[in-house]
Amino acid sequence: MKLYLLGIVLLSFSFSLYSQNFQPGYYINNEGKKTTCLIDNTETIINPNSFQYKLSQGDEIKEKTIREVQVFEILDSPYK
């Protein structure tokens, strides 16, 4: 039973590591200000309602909705 629980914990931990893939990018807010940041590339592929970002690797994760920005882009991404 202990091995079963340990397996579940390790599996869930690996999914949480996979779920955050921050890549260099930027967003431009509705006032026209460009902010360079790291954008989570796991949930922004097709038709997002929001995106997660952080200003640097050690910063806390923040979120913006698409209504709060004019555009956001993950650099070197096939999706723009």
PDB file of N, CA and C in Angstrom:
ATOM      1  N   MET A   1       0.826  -1.197   0.000  1.00  0.00           N
ATOM      2  CA  MET A   1       0.000   0.000   0.000  1.00  0.00           C
ATOM      3  C   MET A   1       0.871   1.262   0.000  1.00  0.00           C
ATOM      4  N   LYS A   2       1.980   1.206   0.761  1.00  0.00           N
ATOM      5  CA  LYS A   2       2.867   2.368   0.815  1.00  0.00           C
ATOM      6  C   LYS A   2       3.491   2.643  -0.555  1.00  0.00           C
ATOM      7  N   LEU A   3       3.862   1.586  -1.253  1.00  0.00           N
ATOM      8  CA  LEU A   3       4.438   1.770  -2.586  1.00  0.00           C
ATOM      9  C   LEU A   3       3.418   2.346  -3.558  1.00  0.00           C
ATOM     10  N   TYR A   4       2.182   1.942  -3.423  1.00  0.00           N
ATOM     11  CA  TYR A   4       1.104   2.459  -4.267  1.00  0.00           C
ATOM     12  C   TYR A   4       0.934   3.962  -4.036  1.00  0.00           C
ATOM     13  N   LEU A   5       0.891   4.381  -2.775  1.00  0.00           N
ATOM     14  CA  LEU A   5       0.748   5.807  -2.455  1.00  0.00           C
ATOM     15  C   LEU A   5       1.973   6.595  -2.909  1.00  0.00           C
ATOM     16  N   LEU A   6       3.150   6.017  -2.723  1.00  0.00           N
ATOM     17  CA  LEU A   6       4.365   6.682  -3.175  1.00  0.00           C
ATOM     18  C   LEU A   6       4.338   6.870  -4.692  1.00  0.00           C
ATOM     19  N   GLY A   7       3.872   5.877  -5.409  1.00  0.00           N
ATOM     20  CA  GLY A   7       3.761   5.981  -6.859  1.00  0.00           C
ATOM     21  C   GLY A   7       2.817   7.086  -7.285  1.00  0.00           C
ATOM     22  N   ILE A   8       1.698   7.199  -6.603  1.00  0.00           N
ATOM     23  CA  ILE A   8       0.728   8.253  -6.923  1.00  0.00           C
ATOM     24  C   ILE A   8       1.328   9.628  -6.657  1.00  0.00           C
ATOM     25  N   VAL A   9       2.015   9.783  -5.536  1.00  0.00           N
ATOM     26  CA  VAL A   9       2.635  11.068  -5.198  1.00  0.00           C
ATOM     27  C   VAL A   9       3.696  11.435  -6.234  1.00  0.00           C
ATOM     28  N   LEU A  10       4.540  10.497  -6.593  1.00  0.00           N
ATOM     29  CA  LEU A  10       5.579  10.777  -7.586  1.00  0.00           C
ATOM     30  C   LEU A  10       4.991  11.088  -8.955  1.00  0.00           C
ATOM     31  N   LEU A  11       3.955  10.396  -9.325  1.00  0.00           N
ATOM     32  CA  LEU A  11       3.301  10.647 -10.603  1.00  0.00           C
ATOM     33  C   LEU A  11       2.671  12.035 -10.636  1.00  0.00           C
ATOM     34  N   SER A  12       1.995  12.420  -9.571  1.00  0.00           N
ATOM     35  CA  SER A  12       1.381  13.750  -9.536  1.00  0.00           C
ATOM     36  C   SER A  12       2.447  14.836  -9.518  1.00  0.00           C
ATOM     37  N   PHE A  13       3.568  14.584  -8.858  1.00  0.00           N
ATOM     38  CA  PHE A  13       4.666  15.546  -8.845  1.00  0.00           C
ATOM     39  C   PHE A  13       5.235  15.728 -10.252  1.00  0.00           C
ATOM     40  N   SER A  14       5.391  14.644 -10.980  1.00  0.00           N
ATOM     41  CA  SER A  14       5.930  14.752 -12.336  1.00  0.00           C
ATOM     42  C   SER A  14       4.972  15.509 -13.251  1.00  0.00           C
ATOM     43  N   PHE A  15       3.665  15.338 -13.071  1.00  0.00           N
ATOM     44  CA  PHE A  15       2.699  16.101 -13.864  1.00  0.00           C
ATOM     45  C   PHE A  15       2.767  17.584 -13.537  1.00  0.00           C
ATOM     46  N   SER A  16       2.979  17.934 -12.268  1.00  0.00           N
ATOM     47  CA  SER A  16       3.059  19.345 -11.906  1.00  0.00           C
ATOM     48  C   SER A  16       4.318  19.976 -12.480  1.00  0.00           C
ATOM     49  N   LEU A  17       5.411  19.230 -12.563  1.00  0.00           N
ATOM     50  CA  LEU A  17       6.614  19.762 -13.192  1.00  0.00           C
ATOM     51  C   LEU A  17       6.406  19.969 -14.683  1.00  0.00           C
ATOM     52  N   TYR A  18       5.722  19.046 -15.319  1.00  0.00           N
ATOM     53  CA  TYR A  18       5.480  19.133 -16.753  1.00  0.00           C
ATOM     54  C   TYR A  18       4.530  20.273 -17.090  1.00  0.00           C
ATOM     55  N   SER A  19       3.626  20.576 -16.193  1.00  0.00           N
ATOM     56  CA  SER A  19       2.578  21.538 -16.506  1.00  0.00           C
ATOM     57  C   SER A  19       3.074  22.977 -16.570  1.00  0.00           C
ATOM     58  N   GLN A  20       4.304  23.236 -16.166  1.00  0.00           N
ATOM     59  CA  GLN A  20       4.835  24.585 -16.246  1.00  0.00           C
ATOM     60  C   GLN A  20       6.054  24.591 -17.158  1.00  0.00           C
ATOM     61  N   ASN A  21       5.914  25.273 -18.267  1.00  0.00           N
ATOM     62  CA  ASN A  21       6.966  25.341 -19.266  1.00  0.00           C
ATOM     63  C   ASN A  21       7.103  26.799 -19.678  1.00  0.00           C
ATOM     64  N   PHE A  22       7.829  27.581 -18.895  1.00  0.00           N
ATOM     65  CA  PHE A  22       7.932  29.014 -19.141  1.00  0.00           C
ATOM     66  C   PHE A  22       9.002  29.301 -20.188  1.00  0.00           C
ATOM     67  N   GLN A  23       8.602  30.045 -21.217  1.00  0.00           N
ATOM     68  CA  GLN A  23       9.471  30.397 -22.333  1.00  0.00           C
ATOM     69  C   GLN A  23       9.556  31.921 -22.437  1.00  0.00           C
ATOM     70  N   PRO A  24      10.676  32.448 -22.947  1.00  0.00           N
ATOM     71  CA  PRO A  24      10.788  33.900 -23.130  1.00  0.00           C
ATOM     72  C   PRO A  24       9.710  34.414 -24.080  1.00  0.00           C
ATOM     73  N   GLY A  25       9.171  35.565 -23.739  1.00  0.00           N
ATOM     74  CA  GLY A  25       8.145  36.179 -24.568  1.00  0.00           C
ATOM     75  C   GLY A  25       7.857  37.593 -24.104  1.00  0.00           C
ATOM     76  N   TYR A  26       6.731  38.119 -24.519  1.00  0.00           N
ATOM     77  CA  TYR A  26       6.318  39.458 -24.104  1.00  0.00           C
ATOM     78  C   TYR A  26       4.814  39.590 -24.266  1.00  0.00           C
ATOM     79  N   TYR A  27       4.277  40.631 -23.624  1.00  0.00           N
ATOM     80  CA  TYR A  27       2.899  41.023 -23.884  1.00  0.00           C
ATOM     81  C   TYR A  27       2.836  42.535 -23.958  1.00  0.00           C
ATOM     82  N   ILE A  28       1.848  43.037 -24.662  1.00  0.00           N
ATOM     83  CA  ILE A  28       1.602  44.472 -24.759  1.00  0.00           C
ATOM     84  C   ILE A  28       0.233  44.721 -24.153  1.00  0.00           C
ATOM     85  N   ASN A  29       0.206  45.550 -23.094  1.00  0.00           N
ATOM     86  CA  ASN A  29      -1.076  45.797 -22.431  1.00  0.00           C
ATOM     87  C   ASN A  29      -1.923  46.764 -23.252  1.00  0.00           C
ATOM     88  N   ASN A  30      -3.121  47.028 -22.797  1.00  0.00           N
ATOM     89  CA  ASN A  30      -4.060  47.864 -23.554  1.00  0.00           C
ATOM     90  C   ASN A  30      -3.636  49.324 -23.634  1.00  0.00           C
ATOM     91  N   GLU A  31      -2.667  49.719 -22.804  1.00  0.00           N
ATOM     92  CA  GLU A  31      -2.129  51.080 -22.880  1.00  0.00           C
ATOM     93  C   GLU A  31      -0.931  51.161 -23.825  1.00  0.00           C
ATOM     94  N   GLY A  32      -0.527  50.026 -24.396  1.00  0.00           N
ATOM     95  CA  GLY A  32       0.573  50.000 -25.351  1.00  0.00           C
ATOM     96  C   GLY A  32       1.938  49.731 -24.743  1.00  0.00           C
ATOM     97  N   LYS A  33       2.006  49.413 -23.453  1.00  0.00           N
ATOM     98  CA  LYS A  33       3.284  49.153 -22.792  1.00  0.00           C
ATOM     99  C   LYS A  33       3.700  47.700 -23.006  1.00  0.00           C
ATOM    100  N   LYS A  34       4.927  47.511 -23.523  1.00  0.00           N
ATOM    101  CA  LYS A  34       5.457  46.168 -23.767  1.00  0.00           C
ATOM    102  C   LYS A  34       6.193  45.680 -22.524  1.00  0.00           C
ATOM    103  N   THR A  35       5.883  44.457 -22.086  1.00  0.00           N
ATOM    104  CA  THR A  35       6.530  43.843 -20.930  1.00  0.00           C
ATOM    105  C   THR A  35       7.180  42.541 -21.373  1.00  0.00           C
ATOM    106  N   THR A  36       8.490  42.458 -21.205  1.00  0.00           N
ATOM    107  CA  THR A  36       9.223  41.229 -21.495  1.00  0.00           C
ATOM    108  C   THR A  36       9.096  40.314 -20.290  1.00  0.00           C
ATOM    109  N   CYS A  37       8.804  39.045 -20.530  1.00  0.00           N
ATOM    110  CA  CYS A  37       8.550  38.121 -19.426  1.00  0.00           C
ATOM    111  C   CYS A  37       8.756  36.687 -19.888  1.00  0.00           C
ATOM    112  N   LEU A  38       8.478  35.754 -18.998  1.00  0.00           N
ATOM    113  CA  LEU A  38       8.463  34.330 -19.311  1.00  0.00           C
ATOM    114  C   LEU A  38       7.005  33.894 -19.315  1.00  0.00           C
ATOM    115  N   ILE A  39       6.544  33.290 -20.394  1.00  0.00           N
ATOM    116  CA  ILE A  39       5.139  32.905 -20.541  1.00  0.00           C
ATOM    117  C   ILE A  39       5.029  31.391 -20.504  1.00  0.00           C
ATOM    118  N   ASP A  40       4.048  30.902 -19.757  1.00  0.00           N
ATOM    119  CA  ASP A  40       3.810  29.461 -19.662  1.00  0.00           C
ATOM    120  C   ASP A  40       3.308  28.961 -21.011  1.00  0.00           C
ATOM    121  N   ASN A  41       4.054  28.069 -21.612  1.00  0.00           N
ATOM    122  CA  ASN A  41       3.774  27.604 -22.969  1.00  0.00           C
ATOM    123  C   ASN A  41       2.891  26.362 -23.009  1.00  0.00           C
ATOM    124  N   THR A  42       2.380  25.908 -21.887  1.00  0.00           N
ATOM    125  CA  THR A  42       1.613  24.665 -21.898  1.00  0.00           C
ATOM    126  C   THR A  42       0.137  24.869 -22.177  1.00  0.00           C
ATOM    127  N   GLU A  43      -0.404  26.047 -21.883  1.00  0.00           N
ATOM    128  CA  GLU A  43      -1.840  26.251 -22.033  1.00  0.00           C
ATOM    129  C   GLU A  43      -2.183  27.322 -23.052  1.00  0.00           C
ATOM    130  N   THR A  44      -1.208  27.805 -23.784  1.00  0.00           N
ATOM    131  CA  THR A  44      -1.457  28.933 -24.677  1.00  0.00           C
ATOM    132  C   THR A  44      -1.470  28.547 -26.141  1.00  0.00           C
ATOM    133  N   ILE A  45      -1.550  27.284 -26.438  1.00  0.00           N
ATOM    134  CA  ILE A  45      -1.394  26.845 -27.817  1.00  0.00           C
ATOM    135  C   ILE A  45      -2.542  27.317 -28.713  1.00  0.00           C
ATOM    136  N   ILE A  46      -3.765  26.991 -28.369  1.00  0.00           N
ATOM    137  CA  ILE A  46      -4.887  27.281 -29.257  1.00  0.00           C
ATOM    138  C   ILE A  46      -5.965  28.052 -28.503  1.00  0.00           C
ATOM    139  N   ASN A  47      -6.282  29.244 -28.983  1.00  0.00           N
ATOM    140  CA  ASN A  47      -7.418  30.024 -28.513  1.00  0.00           C
ATOM    141  C   ASN A  47      -7.489  30.194 -26.995  1.00  0.00           C
ATOM    142  N   PRO A  48      -6.469  30.792 -26.375  1.00  0.00           N
ATOM    143  CA  PRO A  48      -6.472  30.933 -24.915  1.00  0.00           C
ATOM    144  C   PRO A  48      -7.398  32.046 -24.446  1.00  0.00           C
ATOM    145  N   ASN A  49      -7.928  31.913 -23.242  1.00  0.00           N
ATOM    146  CA  ASN A  49      -8.678  32.983 -22.589  1.00  0.00           C
ATOM    147  C   ASN A  49      -7.780  33.786 -21.667  1.00  0.00           C
ATOM    148  N   SER A  50      -6.689  33.167 -21.235  1.00  0.00           N
ATOM    149  CA  SER A  50      -5.730  33.819 -20.357  1.00  0.00           C
ATOM    150  C   SER A  50      -4.379  33.138 -20.533  1.00  0.00           C
ATOM    151  N   PHE A  51      -3.360  33.735 -19.935  1.00  0.00           N
ATOM    152  CA  PHE A  51      -2.034  33.123 -19.954  1.00  0.00           C
ATOM    153  C   PHE A  51      -1.330  33.433 -18.645  1.00  0.00           C
ATOM    154  N   GLN A  52      -0.452  32.520 -18.244  1.00  0.00           N
ATOM    155  CA  GLN A  52       0.339  32.707 -17.035  1.00  0.00           C
ATOM    156  C   GLN A  52       1.726  33.175 -17.440  1.00  0.00           C
ATOM    157  N   TYR A  53       2.305  34.039 -16.595  1.00  0.00           N
ATOM    158  CA  TYR A  53       3.627  34.575 -16.885  1.00  0.00           C
ATOM    159  C   TYR A  53       4.337  34.897 -15.584  1.00  0.00           C
ATOM    160  N   LYS A  54       5.629  35.112 -15.681  1.00  0.00           N
ATOM    161  CA  LYS A  54       6.404  35.657 -14.575  1.00  0.00           C
ATOM    162  C   LYS A  54       7.489  36.539 -15.159  1.00  0.00           C
ATOM    163  N   LEU A  55       7.863  37.561 -14.399  1.00  0.00           N
ATOM    164  CA  LEU A  55       8.797  38.551 -14.915  1.00  0.00           C
ATOM    165  C   LEU A  55      10.227  38.025 -14.983  1.00  0.00           C
ATOM    166  N   SER A  56      10.587  37.105 -14.092  1.00  0.00           N
ATOM    167  CA  SER A  56      11.887  36.439 -14.149  1.00  0.00           C
ATOM    168  C   SER A  56      11.736  35.043 -13.572  1.00  0.00           C
ATOM    169  N   GLN A  57      12.760  34.232 -13.709  1.00  0.00           N
ATOM    170  CA  GLN A  57      12.667  32.826 -13.335  1.00  0.00           C
ATOM    171  C   GLN A  57      12.250  32.621 -11.879  1.00  0.00           C
ATOM    172  N   GLY A  58      12.721  33.445 -10.959  1.00  0.00           N
ATOM    173  CA  GLY A  58      12.421  33.257  -9.545  1.00  0.00           C
ATOM    174  C   GLY A  58      11.154  33.944  -9.066  1.00  0.00           C
ATOM    175  N   ASP A  59      10.493  34.707  -9.912  1.00  0.00           N
ATOM    176  CA  ASP A  59       9.306  35.465  -9.500  1.00  0.00           C
ATOM    177  C   ASP A  59       8.074  34.578  -9.386  1.00  0.00           C
ATOM    178  N   GLU A  60       7.044  35.150  -8.761  1.00  0.00           N
ATOM    179  CA  GLU A  60       5.778  34.431  -8.629  1.00  0.00           C
ATOM    180  C   GLU A  60       5.031  34.418  -9.959  1.00  0.00           C
ATOM    181  N   ILE A  61       4.190  33.418 -10.131  1.00  0.00           N
ATOM    182  CA  ILE A  61       3.395  33.273 -11.351  1.00  0.00           C
ATOM    183  C   ILE A  61       2.196  34.210 -11.279  1.00  0.00           C
ATOM    184  N   LYS A  62       1.987  34.966 -12.349  1.00  0.00           N
ATOM    185  CA  LYS A  62       0.849  35.875 -12.459  1.00  0.00           C
ATOM    186  C   LYS A  62       0.025  35.462 -13.669  1.00  0.00           C
ATOM    187  N   GLU A  63      -1.159  36.043 -13.793  1.00  0.00           N
ATOM    188  CA  GLU A  63      -2.038  35.689 -14.907  1.00  0.00           C
ATOM    189  C   GLU A  63      -2.667  36.943 -15.500  1.00  0.00           C
ATOM    190  N   LYS A  64      -2.785  36.965 -16.807  1.00  0.00           N
ATOM    191  CA  LYS A  64      -3.485  38.022 -17.541  1.00  0.00           C
ATOM    192  C   LYS A  64      -4.534  37.368 -18.425  1.00  0.00           C
ATOM    193  N   THR A  65      -5.648  38.058 -18.603  1.00  0.00           N
ATOM    194  CA  THR A  65      -6.655  37.588 -19.549  1.00  0.00           C
ATOM    195  C   THR A  65      -6.405  38.265 -20.895  1.00  0.00           C
ATOM    196  N   ILE A  66      -6.980  37.711 -21.937  1.00  0.00           N
ATOM    197  CA  ILE A  66      -6.763  38.309 -23.252  1.00  0.00           C
ATOM    198  C   ILE A  66      -7.455  39.663 -23.377  1.00  0.00           C
ATOM    199  N   ARG A  67      -8.378  39.956 -22.490  1.00  0.00           N
ATOM    200  CA  ARG A  67      -9.022  41.281 -22.493  1.00  0.00           C
ATOM    201  C   ARG A  67      -8.117  42.353 -21.901  1.00  0.00           C
ATOM    202  N   GLU A  68      -7.101  41.941 -21.133  1.00  0.00           N
ATOM    203  CA  GLU A  68      -6.181  42.880 -20.501  1.00  0.00           C
ATOM    204  C   GLU A  68      -5.003  43.251 -21.391  1.00  0.00           C
ATOM    205  N   VAL A  69      -4.817  42.536 -22.502  1.00  0.00           N
ATOM    206  CA  VAL A  69      -3.657  42.773 -23.358  1.00  0.00           C
ATOM    207  C   VAL A  69      -4.083  42.892 -24.818  1.00  0.00           C
ATOM    208  N   GLN A  70      -3.256  43.618 -25.586  1.00  0.00           N
ATOM    209  CA  GLN A  70      -3.481  43.698 -27.029  1.00  0.00           C
ATOM    210  C   GLN A  70      -2.941  42.452 -27.713  1.00  0.00           C
ATOM    211  N   VAL A  71      -1.773  42.004 -27.251  1.00  0.00           N
ATOM    212  CA  VAL A  71      -1.104  40.855 -27.863  1.00  0.00           C
ATOM    213  C   VAL A  71      -0.135  40.250 -26.857  1.00  0.00           C
ATOM    214  N   PHE A  72       0.078  38.941 -26.968  1.00  0.00           N
ATOM    215  CA  PHE A  72       1.196  38.311 -26.280  1.00  0.00           C
ATOM    216  C   PHE A  72       1.818  37.303 -27.219  1.00  0.00           C
ATOM    217  N   GLU A  73       3.124  37.098 -27.056  1.00  0.00           N
ATOM    218  CA  GLU A  73       3.833  36.191 -27.956  1.00  0.00           C
ATOM    219  C   GLU A  73       4.917  35.458 -27.194  1.00  0.00           C
ATOM    220  N   ILE A  74       5.027  34.176 -27.465  1.00  0.00           N
ATOM    221  CA  ILE A  74       6.132  33.375 -26.968  1.00  0.00           C
ATOM    222  C   ILE A  74       7.169  33.363 -28.075  1.00  0.00           C
ATOM    223  N   LEU A  75       8.360  33.845 -27.782  1.00  0.00           N
ATOM    224  CA  LEU A  75       9.401  33.946 -28.804  1.00  0.00           C
ATOM    225  C   LEU A  75       9.787  32.565 -29.314  1.00  0.00           C
ATOM    226  N   ASP A  76      10.140  32.485 -30.565  1.00  0.00           N
ATOM    227  CA  ASP A  76      10.527  31.230 -31.230  1.00  0.00           C
ATOM    228  C   ASP A  76       9.435  30.177 -31.167  1.00  0.00           C
ATOM    229  N   SER A  77       8.190  30.601 -31.144  1.00  0.00           N
ATOM    230  CA  SER A  77       7.061  29.676 -31.115  1.00  0.00           C
ATOM    231  C   SER A  77       6.377  29.686 -32.478  1.00  0.00           C
ATOM    232  N   PRO A  78       5.876  28.547 -32.924  1.00  0.00           N
ATOM    233  CA  PRO A  78       5.154  28.542 -34.197  1.00  0.00           C
ATOM    234  C   PRO A  78       3.786  29.205 -34.093  1.00  0.00           C
ATOM    235  N   TYR A  79       3.317  29.454 -32.867  1.00  0.00           N
ATOM    236  CA  TYR A  79       2.000  30.065 -32.655  1.00  0.00           C
ATOM    237  C   TYR A  79       2.183  31.518 -32.275  1.00  0.00           C
ATOM    238  N   LYS A  80       1.464  32.417 -32.952  1.00  0.00           N
ATOM    239  CA  LYS A  80       1.559  33.845 -32.656  1.00  0.00           C
ATOM    240  C   LYS A  80       0.186  34.438 -32.571  1.00  0.00           C
TER     241      LYS A  80
END
